[in-house]
Amino acid sequence: MGKIIQIQLGEYRPIHHFDLNNVDCRRDDYVILDTDEGSEYGQVRSDTHSPVEDKADKIKGKVVRKATEGDMRQIDNNRMKAKDALNVCIRKITDQKLDMQIVNAEYTFDSSKIIFFFTAEGRVDFRNLVKDLAKVFRVRIELKQIGVRDKAGIVGGYGICGREICCASYINDFSPLSVKMAKEQGLPLNPSRISGVCGRIKCCMGYEVCVYKELSKALPKVGEKVVTPDGRGKVIEINVFKKFAMVDLGEGRIIKVTYGKKDE
């Protein structure tokens, strides 16, 4: 079978699998694609030296060629046109008093369609907006509603850690997150401490939670009643890496109980 690679469609759309079609390209290269919806462009997001057999049924299209200088000029021109289209769309939304916020816009490679990305609290009837935009630009119009995490990935920014936010740098798919993950890692449940720039739980909450779950299996939980060599008490604190618990025996007596040998 042919080689399958991951390519991000356009600037802001999801990553899909494409047939490499024997085209010589590498990670981060821009390529021209043949899809069911027409000619597109994208950026290679995976290595191209090995096939991905389990994704053969999810192929979105095939690579036609590595982008030429002429192709890149067209892509740059489309980016400039998208900025103008964005301003027009914002004015139309204001005129129609629609409860939605436009995040960005992009043209497909062949300029046959403009995609507008927006956020909204609920459903929005934008049929008249689509009609007005189609009259102005005389191409197909697509309005795509996205979530706040997707918006953060498009807009970009830096987290409290000082690094570029994960969703704008390398995350391809968002995994489910919950406050429970912070609890399992013993982190403070202050929203300002565990929320990212998007206002949702930080993506990094899910990075180490599996390790904490595994290490904490041999430890009691905070609030649990345990029996120690010094008597019965209540667990008030645990340290999963050093494998000990602080136990309150009552009357001001707090002891440290080690569970198993600490890994070197």
Protein backbone atom coordinates (compact mmCIF):
# COMPACT_ATOMS: atom_id res chain seq x y z
CA MET A 1 0.00 0.00 0.00
CA GLY A 2 1.05 3.62 -0.44
CA LYS A 3 2.34 5.77 2.34
CA ILE A 4 -0.14 7.80 4.37
CA ILE A 5 0.83 11.07 6.06
CA GLN A 6 -0.86 13.62 8.28
CA ILE A 7 -1.56 17.04 6.78
CA GLN A 8 -3.28 20.07 8.24
CA LEU A 9 -5.77 21.48 5.78
CA GLY A 10 -5.31 25.19 5.20
CA GLU A 11 -4.33 27.32 8.17
CA TYR A 12 -6.89 26.46 10.84
CA ARG A 13 -8.68 23.28 9.85
CA PRO A 14 -8.16 19.81 11.36
CA ILE A 15 -5.35 17.41 10.55
CA HIS A 16 -6.33 14.56 8.22
CA HIS A 17 -4.65 11.55 6.62
CA PHE A 18 -3.67 11.75 2.95
CA ASP A 19 -2.14 9.40 0.42
CA LEU A 20 1.44 10.58 -0.13
CA ASN A 21 1.13 9.49 -3.78
CA ASN A 22 4.94 9.14 -4.13
CA VAL A 23 5.43 12.89 -3.78
CA ASP A 24 8.81 13.88 -2.32
CA CYS A 25 8.01 16.09 0.68
CA ARG A 26 8.93 16.36 4.35
CA ARG A 27 7.46 17.50 7.64
CA ASP A 28 6.42 21.21 7.59
CA ASP A 29 6.42 21.36 3.78
CA TYR A 30 3.40 22.94 2.10
CA VAL A 31 1.69 20.66 -0.43
CA ILE A 32 -1.18 20.85 -2.90
CA LEU A 33 -3.94 18.32 -2.33
CA ASP A 34 -6.69 16.67 -4.32
CA THR A 35 -9.80 16.23 -2.16
CA ASP A 36 -13.46 15.45 -2.75
CA GLU A 37 -14.21 19.15 -2.35
CA GLY A 38 -11.62 20.34 -4.87
CA SER A 39 -8.04 21.58 -4.84
CA GLU A 40 -6.68 22.38 -1.39
CA TYR A 41 -3.39 23.15 0.25
CA GLY A 42 -1.96 22.05 3.57
CA GLN A 43 1.15 21.58 5.67
CA VAL A 44 2.73 18.19 6.38
CA ARG A 45 2.51 17.36 10.10
CA SER A 46 4.08 13.89 10.23
CA ASP A 47 7.10 11.99 8.96
CA THR A 48 6.79 10.51 5.49
CA HIS A 49 9.18 7.56 5.71
CA SER A 50 6.75 4.92 6.98
CA PRO A 51 3.15 3.90 6.11
CA VAL A 52 0.30 4.27 8.58
CA GLU A 53 -1.68 1.13 7.79
CA ASP A 54 -4.42 1.48 10.39
CA LYS A 55 -5.56 4.80 8.89
CA ALA A 56 -6.14 3.54 5.35
CA ASP A 57 -9.91 3.85 5.71
CA LYS A 58 -9.69 7.49 6.79
CA ILE A 59 -7.86 8.96 3.81
CA LYS A 60 -9.17 12.44 2.95
CA GLY A 61 -7.48 12.65 -0.45
CA LYS A 62 -4.04 12.54 -2.02
CA VAL A 63 -1.01 14.77 -2.36
CA VAL A 64 -0.67 16.21 -5.87
CA ARG A 65 2.68 17.97 -5.50
CA LYS A 66 4.92 19.90 -3.19
CA ALA A 67 3.91 23.56 -3.30
CA THR A 68 5.86 25.54 -5.89
CA GLU A 69 6.84 29.21 -5.67
CA GLY A 70 3.76 30.04 -7.72
CA ASP A 71 1.58 28.02 -5.35
CA MET A 72 3.01 29.85 -2.33
CA ARG A 73 2.30 33.21 -3.98
CA GLN A 74 -1.30 32.13 -4.47
CA ILE A 75 -1.53 30.98 -0.83
CA ASP A 76 -0.14 34.34 0.34
CA ASN A 77 -2.61 36.15 -1.92
CA ASN A 78 -5.46 34.11 -0.46
CA ARG A 79 -4.34 35.07 3.05
CA MET A 80 -4.55 38.75 2.14
CA LYS A 81 -8.00 38.30 0.60
CA ALA A 82 -9.12 36.42 3.72
CA LYS A 83 -8.26 39.44 5.88
CA ASP A 84 -10.50 41.66 3.72
CA ALA A 85 -13.26 39.03 3.82
CA LEU A 86 -12.98 38.90 7.60
CA ASN A 87 -13.55 42.64 7.91
CA VAL A 88 -16.57 42.47 5.61
CA CYS A 89 -18.04 39.60 7.61
CA ILE A 90 -17.59 41.47 10.90
CA ARG A 91 -19.44 44.47 9.50
CA LYS A 92 -22.28 42.26 8.25
CA ILE A 93 -22.59 40.58 11.66
CA THR A 94 -22.74 43.99 13.35
CA ASP A 95 -25.39 45.22 10.93
CA GLN A 96 -27.53 42.12 11.46
CA LYS A 97 -26.93 42.15 15.24
CA LEU A 98 -26.01 38.49 15.35
CA ASP A 99 -24.78 37.03 18.64
CA MET A 100 -21.56 35.53 17.31
CA GLN A 101 -17.85 36.37 17.21
CA ILE A 102 -15.79 35.81 14.09
CA VAL A 103 -12.37 34.36 14.91
CA ASN A 104 -10.75 34.10 11.48
CA ALA A 105 -11.31 33.32 7.83
CA GLU A 106 -9.52 31.48 5.06
CA TYR A 107 -9.89 30.76 1.36
CA THR A 108 -9.46 27.30 -0.11
CA PHE A 109 -6.48 27.01 -2.46
CA ASP A 110 -8.58 27.35 -5.61
CA SER A 111 -10.49 30.32 -4.09
CA SER A 112 -13.79 28.53 -4.67
CA LYS A 113 -14.85 28.83 -1.02
CA ILE A 114 -14.32 31.04 2.03
CA ILE A 115 -14.51 29.47 5.47
CA PHE A 116 -15.37 31.73 8.42
CA PHE A 117 -14.65 30.40 11.90
CA PHE A 118 -16.81 31.75 14.72
CA THR A 119 -17.75 31.20 18.34
CA ALA A 120 -21.20 31.61 19.88
CA GLU A 121 -22.93 30.75 23.13
CA GLY A 122 -25.74 28.91 21.37
CA ARG A 123 -27.23 28.32 17.96
CA VAL A 124 -27.21 31.22 15.51
CA ASP A 125 -29.44 31.68 12.48
CA PHE A 126 -26.89 32.97 9.98
CA ARG A 127 -28.74 32.12 6.76
CA ASN A 128 -29.14 35.76 5.77
CA LEU A 129 -25.50 36.39 6.57
CA VAL A 130 -24.44 33.59 4.23
CA LYS A 131 -26.63 35.01 1.45
CA ASP A 132 -25.15 38.50 1.88
CA LEU A 133 -21.58 37.21 1.90
CA ALA A 134 -22.21 35.07 -1.19
CA LYS A 135 -23.49 38.16 -3.05
CA VAL A 136 -20.36 40.12 -2.11
CA PHE A 137 -17.71 37.48 -2.85
CA ARG A 138 -19.54 35.28 -5.41
CA VAL A 139 -18.02 32.09 -4.03
CA ARG A 140 -19.26 29.37 -1.70
CA ILE A 141 -19.50 30.46 1.93
CA GLU A 142 -19.04 28.18 4.94
CA LEU A 143 -19.53 29.33 8.53
CA LYS A 144 -17.96 26.92 10.96
CA GLN A 145 -18.74 27.16 14.68
CA ILE A 146 -15.80 26.25 16.92
CA GLY A 147 -15.27 25.94 20.67
CA VAL A 148 -13.21 28.19 22.90
CA ARG A 149 -10.33 25.70 22.93
CA ASP A 150 -10.25 25.73 19.11
CA LYS A 151 -10.33 29.52 19.22
CA ALA A 152 -7.30 29.60 21.50
CA GLY A 153 -5.46 27.33 19.07
CA ILE A 154 -6.19 29.71 16.18
CA VAL A 155 -5.47 32.97 18.02
CA GLY A 156 -2.42 31.61 19.89
CA GLY A 157 -0.74 32.97 22.99
CA TYR A 158 1.40 31.99 25.97
CA GLY A 159 0.45 30.12 29.11
CA ILE A 160 1.36 30.83 32.71
CA CYS A 161 4.32 28.45 32.21
CA GLY A 162 5.86 30.94 29.78
CA ARG A 163 5.60 28.61 26.80
CA GLU A 164 3.38 28.85 23.75
CA ILE A 165 -0.01 27.32 24.56
CA CYS A 166 -0.14 23.64 23.69
CA CYS A 167 -3.21 23.87 21.45
CA ALA A 168 -1.43 26.38 19.21
CA SER A 169 1.87 24.52 19.05
CA TYR A 170 1.46 20.76 18.77
CA ILE A 171 -1.87 19.35 20.01
CA ASN A 172 -3.84 17.77 17.16
CA ASP A 173 -6.92 16.54 19.02
CA PHE A 174 -8.47 17.71 22.27
CA SER A 175 -8.97 15.04 24.90
CA PRO A 176 -11.64 15.26 27.63
CA LEU A 177 -10.50 17.12 30.77
CA SER A 178 -12.06 17.48 34.20
CA VAL A 179 -11.46 19.04 37.61
CA LYS A 180 -11.05 15.48 38.92
CA MET A 181 -7.67 15.35 37.18
CA ALA A 182 -6.46 18.28 39.28
CA LYS A 183 -7.77 16.61 42.44
CA GLU A 184 -5.92 13.38 41.66
CA GLN A 185 -2.68 15.35 41.31
CA GLY A 186 -3.20 17.25 44.55
CA LEU A 187 -3.41 20.59 42.79
CA PRO A 188 -5.30 23.60 44.17
CA LEU A 189 -8.82 23.81 42.75
CA ASN A 190 -8.66 27.57 42.29
CA PRO A 191 -10.07 28.22 38.76
CA SER A 192 -7.38 30.79 38.05
CA ARG A 193 -4.69 28.17 38.75
CA ILE A 194 -6.07 25.25 36.74
CA SER A 195 -7.65 27.14 33.80
CA GLY A 196 -5.87 28.03 30.58
CA VAL A 197 -6.18 31.18 28.48
CA CYS A 198 -9.33 29.70 26.91
CA GLY A 199 -11.05 29.58 30.31
CA ARG A 200 -11.21 25.77 30.30
CA ILE A 201 -9.16 23.24 32.25
CA LYS A 202 -5.52 23.39 31.17
CA CYS A 203 -4.54 20.72 28.65
CA CYS A 204 -1.49 19.91 30.77
CA MET A 205 -3.81 18.61 33.50
CA GLY A 206 -4.02 15.41 31.48
CA TYR A 207 -0.30 14.90 30.87
CA GLU A 208 0.67 13.23 34.16
CA VAL A 209 -2.65 12.12 35.61
CA CYS A 210 -2.06 8.48 34.55
CA VAL A 211 1.23 8.44 36.46
CA TYR A 212 -0.44 9.83 39.57
CA LYS A 213 -3.20 7.23 39.31
CA GLU A 214 -0.72 4.37 39.06
CA LEU A 215 1.51 5.57 41.90
CA SER A 216 -1.40 6.32 44.20
CA LYS A 217 -2.84 2.79 44.00
CA ALA A 218 -0.70 1.66 46.95
CA LEU A 219 -1.51 4.76 49.00
CA PRO A 220 -4.55 5.64 51.11
CA LYS A 221 -6.74 8.56 50.10
CA VAL A 222 -6.94 11.87 51.92
CA GLY A 223 -9.67 11.60 54.55
CA GLU A 224 -9.37 7.83 54.82
CA LYS A 225 -9.10 6.20 58.27
CA VAL A 226 -5.97 4.04 58.58
CA VAL A 227 -4.26 1.95 61.22
CA THR A 228 -0.63 2.81 61.96
CA PRO A 229 1.93 1.37 64.41
CA ASP A 230 1.11 4.34 66.65
CA GLY A 231 -2.65 3.89 66.48
CA ARG A 232 -5.66 4.69 64.29
CA GLY A 233 -5.80 8.02 62.50
CA LYS A 234 -7.01 10.02 59.52
CA VAL A 235 -4.96 10.73 56.40
CA ILE A 236 -4.60 14.47 55.90
CA GLU A 237 -1.95 14.54 53.17
CA ILE A 238 -0.22 12.17 50.75
CA ASN A 239 2.90 12.40 48.58
CA VAL A 240 2.63 9.99 45.66
CA PHE A 241 6.26 10.29 44.55
CA LYS A 242 7.86 9.90 47.97
CA LYS A 243 5.19 7.35 48.87
CA PHE A 244 4.22 8.60 52.30
CA ALA A 245 1.11 9.89 54.04
CA MET A 246 0.66 12.32 56.89
CA VAL A 247 -1.76 10.86 59.44
CA ASP A 248 -3.56 12.77 62.17
CA LEU A 249 -3.83 10.57 65.26
CA GLY A 250 -5.78 13.21 67.19
CA GLU A 251 -4.83 15.46 70.08
CA GLY A 252 -2.33 17.28 67.89
CA ARG A 253 -0.33 14.15 67.03
CA ILE A 254 0.57 13.97 63.34
CA ILE A 255 2.91 11.28 62.05
CA LYS A 256 4.47 10.36 58.73
CA VAL A 257 3.75 6.86 57.43
CA THR A 258 5.76 5.41 54.53
CA TYR A 259 4.13 2.98 52.14
CA GLY A 260 6.58 0.79 50.26
CA LYS A 261 10.11 1.62 49.22
CA LYS A 262 10.68 4.91 47.45
CA ASP A 263 11.86 4.40 43.86
CA GLU A 264 15.43 5.52 43.37
